[in-house]
Full PDB file with SEQRES, HELIX, SHEET, SSBOND, CRYST1, ORIGX, SCALE, CONECT and MASTER records, all heavy atoms in Angstrom:
SEQRES   1 A   32  PHE LEU LYS GLU GLN PRO ASP LEU ASN TRP ARG ASN PRO          
SEQRES   2 A   32  GLU LEU ARG ALA ALA MET MET GLU VAL MET ARG PHE TRP          
SEQRES   3 A   32  PHE GLU ARG GLY VAL ASP                                      
HELIX    1 AA1 PRO A   13  ARG A   29  1                                  17    
CRYST1    1.000    1.000    1.000  90.00  90.00  90.00 P 1           1          
ORIGX1      1.000000  0.000000  0.000000        0.00000                         
ORIGX2      0.000000  1.000000  0.000000        0.00000                         
ORIGX3      0.000000  0.000000  1.000000        0.00000                         
SCALE1      1.000000  0.000000  0.000000        0.00000                         
SCALE2      0.000000  1.000000  0.000000        0.00000                         
SCALE3      0.000000  0.000000  1.000000        0.00000                         
ATOM      1  N   PHE A   1       0.817  -1.160  -0.008  1.00  0.00           N  
ATOM      2  CA  PHE A   1       0.032  -0.010   0.042  1.00  0.00           C  
ATOM      3  C   PHE A   1       0.892   1.209  -0.007  1.00  0.00           C  
ATOM      4  O   PHE A   1       1.738   1.407  -0.859  1.00  0.00           O  
ATOM      5  CB  PHE A   1      -0.980  -0.112   1.121  1.00  0.00           C  
ATOM      6  CG  PHE A   1      -1.914  -1.274   1.042  1.00  0.00           C  
ATOM      7  CD1 PHE A   1      -1.573  -2.511   1.569  1.00  0.00           C  
ATOM      8  CD2 PHE A   1      -3.081  -1.159   0.301  1.00  0.00           C  
ATOM      9  CE1 PHE A   1      -2.417  -3.611   1.426  1.00  0.00           C  
ATOM     10  CE2 PHE A   1      -3.930  -2.239   0.171  1.00  0.00           C  
ATOM     11  CZ  PHE A   1      -3.601  -3.472   0.672  1.00  0.00           C  
ATOM     12  N   LEU A   2       0.768   2.122   0.946  1.00  0.00           N  
ATOM     13  CA  LEU A   2       1.606   3.262   0.988  1.00  0.00           C  
ATOM     14  C   LEU A   2       3.077   3.027   1.420  1.00  0.00           C  
ATOM     15  O   LEU A   2       3.287   1.983   2.114  1.00  0.00           O  
ATOM     16  CB  LEU A   2       1.088   4.327   1.966  1.00  0.00           C  
ATOM     17  CG  LEU A   2      -0.347   4.927   1.656  1.00  0.00           C  
ATOM     18  CD1 LEU A   2      -0.748   5.835   2.805  1.00  0.00           C  
ATOM     19  CD2 LEU A   2      -0.301   5.755   0.322  1.00  0.00           C  
ATOM     20  N   LYS A   3       3.969   3.845   1.034  1.00  0.00           N  
ATOM     21  CA  LYS A   3       5.376   3.629   1.506  1.00  0.00           C  
ATOM     22  C   LYS A   3       5.466   3.687   2.968  1.00  0.00           C  
ATOM     23  O   LYS A   3       6.451   3.119   3.663  1.00  0.00           O  
ATOM     24  CB  LYS A   3       6.347   4.576   0.845  1.00  0.00           C  
ATOM     25  CG  LYS A   3       6.138   6.045   1.141  1.00  0.00           C  
ATOM     26  CD  LYS A   3       7.203   6.864   0.360  1.00  0.00           C  
ATOM     27  CE  LYS A   3       6.922   8.376   0.591  1.00  0.00           C  
ATOM     28  NZ  LYS A   3       7.069   8.745   1.991  1.00  0.00           N  
ATOM     29  N   GLU A   4       4.512   4.389   3.624  1.00  0.00           N  
ATOM     30  CA  GLU A   4       4.436   4.491   5.107  1.00  0.00           C  
ATOM     31  C   GLU A   4       3.884   3.190   5.739  1.00  0.00           C  
ATOM     32  O   GLU A   4       3.685   3.190   6.971  1.00  0.00           O  
ATOM     33  CB  GLU A   4       3.587   5.677   5.507  1.00  0.00           C  
ATOM     34  CG  GLU A   4       4.213   7.028   5.120  1.00  0.00           C  
ATOM     35  CD  GLU A   4       3.822   7.454   3.712  1.00  0.00           C  
ATOM     36  OE1 GLU A   4       3.131   6.730   2.975  1.00  0.00           O  
ATOM     37  OE2 GLU A   4       4.203   8.665   3.301  1.00  0.00           O  
ATOM     38  N   GLN A   5       3.572   2.131   4.927  1.00  0.00           N  
ATOM     39  CA  GLN A   5       2.932   0.967   5.403  1.00  0.00           C  
ATOM     40  C   GLN A   5       3.790  -0.318   4.916  1.00  0.00           C  
ATOM     41  O   GLN A   5       3.385  -1.061   4.091  1.00  0.00           O  
ATOM     42  CB  GLN A   5       1.584   0.804   4.898  1.00  0.00           C  
ATOM     43  CG  GLN A   5       0.554   1.848   5.352  1.00  0.00           C  
ATOM     44  CD  GLN A   5      -0.758   1.758   4.598  1.00  0.00           C  
ATOM     45  OE1 GLN A   5      -0.777   2.189   3.453  1.00  0.00           O  
ATOM     46  NE2 GLN A   5      -1.807   1.408   5.294  1.00  0.00           N  
ATOM     47  N   PRO A   6       5.003  -0.412   5.464  1.00  0.00           N  
ATOM     48  CA  PRO A   6       5.887  -1.561   5.079  1.00  0.00           C  
ATOM     49  C   PRO A   6       5.219  -2.890   5.434  1.00  0.00           C  
ATOM     50  O   PRO A   6       4.674  -3.058   6.549  1.00  0.00           O  
ATOM     51  CB  PRO A   6       7.143  -1.296   5.869  1.00  0.00           C  
ATOM     52  CG  PRO A   6       6.713  -0.496   7.097  1.00  0.00           C  
ATOM     53  CD  PRO A   6       5.619   0.358   6.591  1.00  0.00           C  
ATOM     54  N   ASP A   7       5.377  -3.862   4.523  1.00  0.00           N  
ATOM     55  CA  ASP A   7       4.809  -5.113   4.627  1.00  0.00           C  
ATOM     56  C   ASP A   7       5.642  -6.004   5.717  1.00  0.00           C  
ATOM     57  O   ASP A   7       6.816  -6.046   5.658  1.00  0.00           O  
ATOM     58  CB  ASP A   7       4.775  -5.886   3.357  1.00  0.00           C  
ATOM     59  CG  ASP A   7       3.551  -5.511   2.510  1.00  0.00           C  
ATOM     60  OD1 ASP A   7       3.034  -4.361   2.679  1.00  0.00           O  
ATOM     61  OD2 ASP A   7       3.153  -6.344   1.669  1.00  0.00           O  
ATOM     62  N   LEU A   8       4.890  -6.666   6.531  1.00  0.00           N  
ATOM     63  CA  LEU A   8       5.477  -7.540   7.537  1.00  0.00           C  
ATOM     64  C   LEU A   8       5.814  -8.942   6.790  1.00  0.00           C  
ATOM     65  O   LEU A   8       5.137  -9.313   5.874  1.00  0.00           O  
ATOM     66  CB  LEU A   8       4.571  -7.755   8.697  1.00  0.00           C  
ATOM     67  CG  LEU A   8       4.384  -6.547   9.531  1.00  0.00           C  
ATOM     68  CD1 LEU A   8       3.051  -6.660  10.370  1.00  0.00           C  
ATOM     69  CD2 LEU A   8       5.494  -6.355  10.451  1.00  0.00           C  
ATOM     70  N   ASN A   9       6.855  -9.590   7.360  1.00  0.00           N  
ATOM     71  CA  ASN A   9       7.297 -10.851   6.783  1.00  0.00           C  
ATOM     72  C   ASN A   9       6.763 -11.974   7.526  1.00  0.00           C  
ATOM     73  O   ASN A   9       7.357 -12.465   8.502  1.00  0.00           O  
ATOM     74  CB  ASN A   9       8.837 -10.874   6.755  1.00  0.00           C  
ATOM     75  CG  ASN A   9       9.345 -12.213   6.100  1.00  0.00           C  
ATOM     76  OD1 ASN A   9       8.624 -12.911   5.475  1.00  0.00           O  
ATOM     77  ND2 ASN A   9      10.606 -12.524   6.359  1.00  0.00           N  
ATOM     78  N   TRP A  10       5.629 -12.502   7.070  1.00  0.00           N  
ATOM     79  CA  TRP A  10       4.994 -13.590   7.840  1.00  0.00           C  
ATOM     80  C   TRP A  10       5.753 -14.977   7.632  1.00  0.00           C  
ATOM     81  O   TRP A  10       5.329 -15.967   8.381  1.00  0.00           O  
ATOM     82  CB  TRP A  10       3.535 -13.720   7.356  1.00  0.00           C  
ATOM     83  CG  TRP A  10       2.672 -12.829   8.138  1.00  0.00           C  
ATOM     84  CD1 TRP A  10       2.520 -11.409   8.044  1.00  0.00           C  
ATOM     85  CD2 TRP A  10       1.848 -13.149   9.169  1.00  0.00           C  
ATOM     86  NE1 TRP A  10       1.682 -10.933   8.966  1.00  0.00           N  
ATOM     87  CE2 TRP A  10       1.212 -11.968   9.744  1.00  0.00           C  
ATOM     88  CE3 TRP A  10       1.544 -14.380   9.964  1.00  0.00           C  
ATOM     89  CZ2 TRP A  10       0.367 -11.997  10.817  1.00  0.00           C  
ATOM     90  CZ3 TRP A  10       0.617 -14.336  10.950  1.00  0.00           C  
ATOM     91  CH2 TRP A  10       0.103 -13.159  11.378  1.00  0.00           C  
ATOM     92  N   ARG A  11       6.749 -14.989   6.895  1.00  0.00           N  
ATOM     93  CA  ARG A  11       7.571 -16.205   6.800  1.00  0.00           C  
ATOM     94  C   ARG A  11       8.476 -16.312   8.019  1.00  0.00           C  
ATOM     95  O   ARG A  11       9.104 -17.334   8.229  1.00  0.00           O  
ATOM     96  CB  ARG A  11       8.355 -16.286   5.513  1.00  0.00           C  
ATOM     97  CG  ARG A  11       7.467 -16.408   4.272  1.00  0.00           C  
ATOM     98  CD  ARG A  11       8.288 -16.507   2.990  1.00  0.00           C  
ATOM     99  NE  ARG A  11       7.428 -16.634   1.765  1.00  0.00           N  
ATOM    100  CZ  ARG A  11       6.871 -17.734   1.312  1.00  0.00           C  
ATOM    101  NH1 ARG A  11       7.138 -18.881   1.968  1.00  0.00           N  
ATOM    102  NH2 ARG A  11       6.109 -17.777   0.287  1.00  0.00           N  
ATOM    103  N   ASN A  12       8.667 -15.232   8.692  1.00  0.00           N  
ATOM    104  CA  ASN A  12       9.563 -15.111   9.825  1.00  0.00           C  
ATOM    105  C   ASN A  12       8.826 -15.657  11.107  1.00  0.00           C  
ATOM    106  O   ASN A  12       7.799 -14.998  11.490  1.00  0.00           O  
ATOM    107  CB  ASN A  12      10.037 -13.705  10.086  1.00  0.00           C  
ATOM    108  CG  ASN A  12      11.071 -13.613  11.220  1.00  0.00           C  
ATOM    109  OD1 ASN A  12      10.677 -13.798  12.343  1.00  0.00           O  
ATOM    110  ND2 ASN A  12      12.241 -13.245  10.966  1.00  0.00           N  
ATOM    111  N   PRO A  13       9.310 -16.750  11.772  1.00  0.00           N  
ATOM    112  CA  PRO A  13       8.544 -17.280  12.892  1.00  0.00           C  
ATOM    113  C   PRO A  13       8.451 -16.348  14.083  1.00  0.00           C  
ATOM    114  O   PRO A  13       7.471 -16.315  14.821  1.00  0.00           O  
ATOM    115  CB  PRO A  13       9.291 -18.544  13.206  1.00  0.00           C  
ATOM    116  CG  PRO A  13      10.594 -18.392  12.602  1.00  0.00           C  
ATOM    117  CD  PRO A  13      10.476 -17.604  11.331  1.00  0.00           C  
ATOM    118  N   GLU A  14       9.453 -15.474  14.301  1.00  0.00           N  
ATOM    119  CA  GLU A  14       9.434 -14.561  15.380  1.00  0.00           C  
ATOM    120  C   GLU A  14       8.329 -13.490  15.192  1.00  0.00           C  
ATOM    121  O   GLU A  14       7.602 -13.117  16.096  1.00  0.00           O  
ATOM    122  CB  GLU A  14      10.749 -13.896  15.634  1.00  0.00           C  
ATOM    123  CG  GLU A  14      11.868 -14.852  16.136  1.00  0.00           C  
ATOM    124  CD  GLU A  14      13.140 -14.142  16.291  1.00  0.00           C  
ATOM    125  OE1 GLU A  14      13.293 -12.947  16.027  1.00  0.00           O  
ATOM    126  OE2 GLU A  14      14.093 -14.822  16.809  1.00  0.00           O  
ATOM    127  N   LEU A  15       8.246 -12.985  13.949  1.00  0.00           N  
ATOM    128  CA  LEU A  15       7.200 -12.061  13.590  1.00  0.00           C  
ATOM    129  C   LEU A  15       5.812 -12.698  13.777  1.00  0.00           C  
ATOM    130  O   LEU A  15       4.895 -12.058  14.423  1.00  0.00           O  
ATOM    131  CB  LEU A  15       7.382 -11.524  12.167  1.00  0.00           C  
ATOM    132  CG  LEU A  15       6.334 -10.573  11.503  1.00  0.00           C  
ATOM    133  CD1 LEU A  15       5.100 -11.158  11.042  1.00  0.00           C  
ATOM    134  CD2 LEU A  15       5.992  -9.408  12.537  1.00  0.00           C  
ATOM    135  N   ARG A  16       5.618 -13.923  13.311  1.00  0.00           N  
ATOM    136  CA  ARG A  16       4.386 -14.557  13.467  1.00  0.00           C  
ATOM    137  C   ARG A  16       3.959 -14.714  15.001  1.00  0.00           C  
ATOM    138  O   ARG A  16       2.848 -14.442  15.339  1.00  0.00           O  
ATOM    139  CB  ARG A  16       4.349 -15.951  12.828  1.00  0.00           C  
ATOM    140  CG  ARG A  16       4.309 -15.957  11.325  1.00  0.00           C  
ATOM    141  CD  ARG A  16       3.853 -17.276  10.802  1.00  0.00           C  
ATOM    142  NE  ARG A  16       4.567 -18.507  11.247  1.00  0.00           N  
ATOM    143  CZ  ARG A  16       5.679 -18.937  10.787  1.00  0.00           C  
ATOM    144  NH1 ARG A  16       6.324 -18.291   9.838  1.00  0.00           N  
ATOM    145  NH2 ARG A  16       6.234 -20.011  11.361  1.00  0.00           N  
ATOM    146  N   ALA A  17       4.966 -15.052  15.774  1.00  0.00           N  
ATOM    147  CA  ALA A  17       4.715 -15.269  17.208  1.00  0.00           C  
ATOM    148  C   ALA A  17       4.290 -13.929  17.804  1.00  0.00           C  
ATOM    149  O   ALA A  17       3.383 -13.851  18.636  1.00  0.00           O  
ATOM    150  CB  ALA A  17       5.924 -15.829  17.945  1.00  0.00           C  
ATOM    151  N   ALA A  18       4.905 -12.834  17.375  1.00  0.00           N  
ATOM    152  CA  ALA A  18       4.578 -11.515  17.937  1.00  0.00           C  
ATOM    153  C   ALA A  18       3.215 -11.079  17.538  1.00  0.00           C  
ATOM    154  O   ALA A  18       2.445 -10.502  18.353  1.00  0.00           O  
ATOM    155  CB  ALA A  18       5.622 -10.480  17.395  1.00  0.00           C  
ATOM    156  N   MET A  19       2.766 -11.414  16.293  1.00  0.00           N  
ATOM    157  CA  MET A  19       1.441 -11.099  15.864  1.00  0.00           C  
ATOM    158  C   MET A  19       0.340 -11.862  16.619  1.00  0.00           C  
ATOM    159  O   MET A  19      -0.761 -11.398  16.917  1.00  0.00           O  
ATOM    160  CB  MET A  19       1.271 -11.206  14.353  1.00  0.00           C  
ATOM    161  CG  MET A  19       2.230 -10.214  13.598  1.00  0.00           C  
ATOM    162  SD  MET A  19       1.782  -8.454  14.005  1.00  0.00           S  
ATOM    163  CE  MET A  19       0.411  -8.083  12.917  1.00  0.00           C  
ATOM    164  N   MET A  20       0.705 -13.096  16.829  1.00  0.00           N  
ATOM    165  CA  MET A  20      -0.217 -13.923  17.622  1.00  0.00           C  
ATOM    166  C   MET A  20      -0.333 -13.458  19.024  1.00  0.00           C  
ATOM    167  O   MET A  20      -1.510 -13.434  19.662  1.00  0.00           O  
ATOM    168  CB  MET A  20       0.254 -15.421  17.672  1.00  0.00           C  
ATOM    169  CG  MET A  20       0.177 -16.130  16.294  1.00  0.00           C  
ATOM    170  SD  MET A  20      -1.449 -16.239  15.571  1.00  0.00           S  
ATOM    171  CE  MET A  20      -1.036 -16.821  13.912  1.00  0.00           C  
ATOM    172  N   GLU A  21       0.707 -12.850  19.570  1.00  0.00           N  
ATOM    173  CA  GLU A  21       0.579 -12.276  20.932  1.00  0.00           C  
ATOM    174  C   GLU A  21      -0.246 -11.033  20.947  1.00  0.00           C  
ATOM    175  O   GLU A  21      -0.967 -10.676  21.875  1.00  0.00           O  
ATOM    176  CB  GLU A  21       2.061 -11.947  21.411  1.00  0.00           C  
ATOM    177  CG  GLU A  21       2.764 -13.206  21.920  1.00  0.00           C  
ATOM    178  CD  GLU A  21       1.975 -13.944  23.022  1.00  0.00           C  
ATOM    179  OE1 GLU A  21       1.634 -13.249  24.030  1.00  0.00           O  
ATOM    180  OE2 GLU A  21       1.783 -15.170  22.855  1.00  0.00           O  
ATOM    181  N   VAL A  22      -0.251 -10.350  19.831  1.00  0.00           N  
ATOM    182  CA  VAL A  22      -1.157  -9.164  19.670  1.00  0.00           C  
ATOM    183  C   VAL A  22      -2.609  -9.629  19.816  1.00  0.00           C  
ATOM    184  O   VAL A  22      -3.392  -9.050  20.552  1.00  0.00           O  
ATOM    185  CB  VAL A  22      -0.865  -8.449  18.348  1.00  0.00           C  
ATOM    186  CG1 VAL A  22      -1.982  -7.407  18.082  1.00  0.00           C  
ATOM    187  CG2 VAL A  22       0.489  -7.707  18.342  1.00  0.00           C  
ATOM    188  N   MET A  23      -2.928 -10.657  19.056  1.00  0.00           N  
ATOM    189  CA  MET A  23      -4.340 -11.097  19.111  1.00  0.00           C  
ATOM    190  C   MET A  23      -4.600 -11.667  20.534  1.00  0.00           C  
ATOM    191  O   MET A  23      -5.747 -11.346  21.058  1.00  0.00           O  
ATOM    192  CB  MET A  23      -4.491 -12.297  18.085  1.00  0.00           C  
ATOM    193  CG  MET A  23      -4.286 -11.876  16.612  1.00  0.00           C  
ATOM    194  SD  MET A  23      -4.548 -13.186  15.507  1.00  0.00           S  
ATOM    195  CE  MET A  23      -6.284 -13.338  15.431  1.00  0.00           C  
ATOM    196  N   ARG A  24      -3.640 -12.320  21.127  1.00  0.00           N  
ATOM    197  CA  ARG A  24      -3.882 -12.806  22.551  1.00  0.00           C  
ATOM    198  C   ARG A  24      -4.097 -11.645  23.485  1.00  0.00           C  
ATOM    199  O   ARG A  24      -4.987 -11.788  24.350  1.00  0.00           O  
ATOM    200  CB  ARG A  24      -2.679 -13.673  22.891  1.00  0.00           C  
ATOM    201  CG  ARG A  24      -2.969 -14.392  24.243  1.00  0.00           C  
ATOM    202  CD  ARG A  24      -1.626 -15.175  24.588  1.00  0.00           C  
ATOM    203  NE  ARG A  24      -1.209 -16.067  23.614  1.00  0.00           N  
ATOM    204  CZ  ARG A  24      -1.738 -17.286  23.489  1.00  0.00           C  
ATOM    205  NH1 ARG A  24      -2.649 -17.736  24.197  1.00  0.00           N  
ATOM    206  NH2 ARG A  24      -1.295 -18.084  22.489  1.00  0.00           N  
ATOM    207  N   PHE A  25      -3.372 -10.561  23.259  1.00  0.00           N  
ATOM    208  CA  PHE A  25      -3.528  -9.409  24.181  1.00  0.00           C  
ATOM    209  C   PHE A  25      -4.945  -8.917  24.171  1.00  0.00           C  
ATOM    210  O   PHE A  25      -5.545  -8.606  25.248  1.00  0.00           O  
ATOM    211  CB  PHE A  25      -2.574  -8.266  23.639  1.00  0.00           C  
ATOM    212  CG  PHE A  25      -2.795  -7.008  24.357  1.00  0.00           C  
ATOM    213  CD1 PHE A  25      -2.069  -6.733  25.600  1.00  0.00           C  
ATOM    214  CD2 PHE A  25      -3.621  -5.969  23.858  1.00  0.00           C  
ATOM    215  CE1 PHE A  25      -2.219  -5.550  26.216  1.00  0.00           C  
ATOM    216  CE2 PHE A  25      -3.722  -4.765  24.511  1.00  0.00           C  
ATOM    217  CZ  PHE A  25      -3.144  -4.485  25.671  1.00  0.00           C  
ATOM    218  N   TRP A  26      -5.584  -8.855  22.971  1.00  0.00           N  
ATOM    219  CA  TRP A  26      -6.892  -8.301  22.891  1.00  0.00           C  
ATOM    220  C   TRP A  26      -8.037  -9.356  23.315  1.00  0.00           C  
ATOM    221  O   TRP A  26      -8.977  -8.999  23.882  1.00  0.00           O  
ATOM    222  CB  TRP A  26      -7.179  -7.725  21.524  1.00  0.00           C  
ATOM    223  CG  TRP A  26      -6.347  -6.554  21.239  1.00  0.00           C  
ATOM    224  CD1 TRP A  26      -5.290  -6.458  20.475  1.00  0.00           C  
ATOM    225  CD2 TRP A  26      -6.547  -5.261  21.840  1.00  0.00           C  
ATOM    226  NE1 TRP A  26      -4.724  -5.182  20.410  1.00  0.00           N  
ATOM    227  CE2 TRP A  26      -5.459  -4.422  21.291  1.00  0.00           C  
ATOM    228  CE3 TRP A  26      -7.440  -4.659  22.699  1.00  0.00           C  
ATOM    229  CZ2 TRP A  26      -5.421  -3.088  21.660  1.00  0.00           C  
ATOM    230  CZ3 TRP A  26      -7.323  -3.373  23.052  1.00  0.00           C  
ATOM    231  CH2 TRP A  26      -6.302  -2.528  22.508  1.00  0.00           C  
ATOM    232  N   PHE A  27      -7.708 -10.624  22.988  1.00  0.00           N  
ATOM    233  CA  PHE A  27      -8.681 -11.725  23.523  1.00  0.00           C  
ATOM    234  C   PHE A  27      -8.640 -11.682  24.976  1.00  0.00           C  
ATOM    235  O   PHE A  27      -9.756 -11.795  25.665  1.00  0.00           O  
ATOM    236  CB  PHE A  27      -8.201 -13.064  22.963  1.00  0.00           C  
ATOM    237  CG  PHE A  27      -8.690 -13.322  21.538  1.00  0.00           C  
ATOM    238  CD1 PHE A  27      -7.815 -13.958  20.620  1.00  0.00           C  
ATOM    239  CD2 PHE A  27      -9.992 -13.056  21.129  1.00  0.00           C  
ATOM    240  CE1 PHE A  27      -8.230 -14.205  19.370  1.00  0.00           C  
ATOM    241  CE2 PHE A  27     -10.437 -13.344  19.868  1.00  0.00           C  
ATOM    242  CZ  PHE A  27      -9.529 -13.976  18.945  1.00  0.00           C  
ATOM    243  N   GLU A  28      -7.499 -11.551  25.650  1.00  0.00           N  
ATOM    244  CA  GLU A  28      -7.406 -11.483  27.088  1.00  0.00           C  
ATOM    245  C   GLU A  28      -8.204 -10.343  27.675  1.00  0.00           C  
ATOM    246  O   GLU A  28      -8.691 -10.314  28.811  1.00  0.00           O  
ATOM    247  CB  GLU A  28      -5.965 -11.465  27.493  1.00  0.00           C  
ATOM    248  CG  GLU A  28      -5.153 -12.754  27.297  1.00  0.00           C  
ATOM    249  CD  GLU A  28      -5.592 -13.869  28.283  1.00  0.00           C  
ATOM    250  OE1 GLU A  28      -6.092 -13.532  29.360  1.00  0.00           O  
ATOM    251  OE2 GLU A  28      -5.310 -15.075  27.928  1.00  0.00           O  
ATOM    252  N   ARG A  29      -8.177  -9.266  26.883  1.00  0.00           N  
ATOM    253  CA  ARG A  29      -8.947  -8.060  27.295  1.00  0.00           C  
ATOM    254  C   ARG A  29     -10.401  -8.170  27.164  1.00  0.00           C  
ATOM    255  O   ARG A  29     -11.192  -7.383  27.731  1.00  0.00           O  
ATOM    256  CB  ARG A  29      -8.410  -6.843  26.522  1.00  0.00           C  
ATOM    257  CG  ARG A  29      -8.328  -5.630  27.413  1.00  0.00           C  
ATOM    258  CD  ARG A  29      -7.465  -4.459  26.810  1.00  0.00           C  
ATOM    259  NE  ARG A  29      -7.300  -3.503  27.814  1.00  0.00           N  
ATOM    260  CZ  ARG A  29      -6.219  -3.318  28.561  1.00  0.00           C  
ATOM    261  NH1 ARG A  29      -5.177  -4.195  28.430  1.00  0.00           N  
ATOM    262  NH2 ARG A  29      -6.130  -2.392  29.496  1.00  0.00           N  
ATOM    263  N   GLY A  30     -10.890  -9.162  26.413  1.00  0.00           N  
ATOM    264  CA  GLY A  30     -12.308  -9.447  26.334  1.00  0.00           C  
ATOM    265  C   GLY A  30     -12.942  -9.274  24.972  1.00  0.00           C  
ATOM    266  O   GLY A  30     -14.159  -9.337  24.877  1.00  0.00           O  
ATOM    267  N   VAL A  31     -12.127  -8.893  23.946  1.00  0.00           N  
ATOM    268  CA  VAL A  31     -12.786  -8.699  22.629  1.00  0.00           C  
ATOM    269  C   VAL A  31     -13.339 -10.030  22.124  1.00  0.00           C  
ATOM    270  O   VAL A  31     -12.810 -11.101  22.419  1.00  0.00           O  
ATOM    271  CB  VAL A  31     -11.873  -8.048  21.595  1.00  0.00           C  
ATOM    272  CG1 VAL A  31     -11.310  -6.695  22.127  1.00  0.00           C  
ATOM    273  CG2 VAL A  31     -10.752  -8.992  21.218  1.00  0.00           C  
ATOM    274  N   ASP A  32     -14.314  -9.973  21.292  1.00  0.00           N  
ATOM    275  CA  ASP A  32     -15.010 -11.104  20.816  1.00  0.00           C  
ATOM    276  C   ASP A  32     -14.592 -11.605  19.451  1.00  0.00           C  
ATOM    277  O   ASP A  32     -15.174 -12.584  18.957  1.00  0.00           O  
ATOM    278  CB  ASP A  32     -16.524 -10.800  20.739  1.00  0.00           C  
ATOM    279  CG  ASP A  32     -17.136 -10.380  22.164  1.00  0.00           C  
ATOM    280  OD1 ASP A  32     -17.154 -11.353  22.989  1.00  0.00           O  
ATOM    281  OD2 ASP A  32     -17.337  -9.213  22.372  1.00  0.00           O  
TER     282      ASP A  32                                                      
MASTER        0    0    0    1    0    0    0    6  281    1    0    3          
END                                                                             
């Protein structure tokens, strides 16, 4: 998209783990 929106590398396992933790953060907060 924009140059201000660099694409994340989902082939990197550390990045994937970090993004799963983001989802976990909000699930723990109670989002549906």
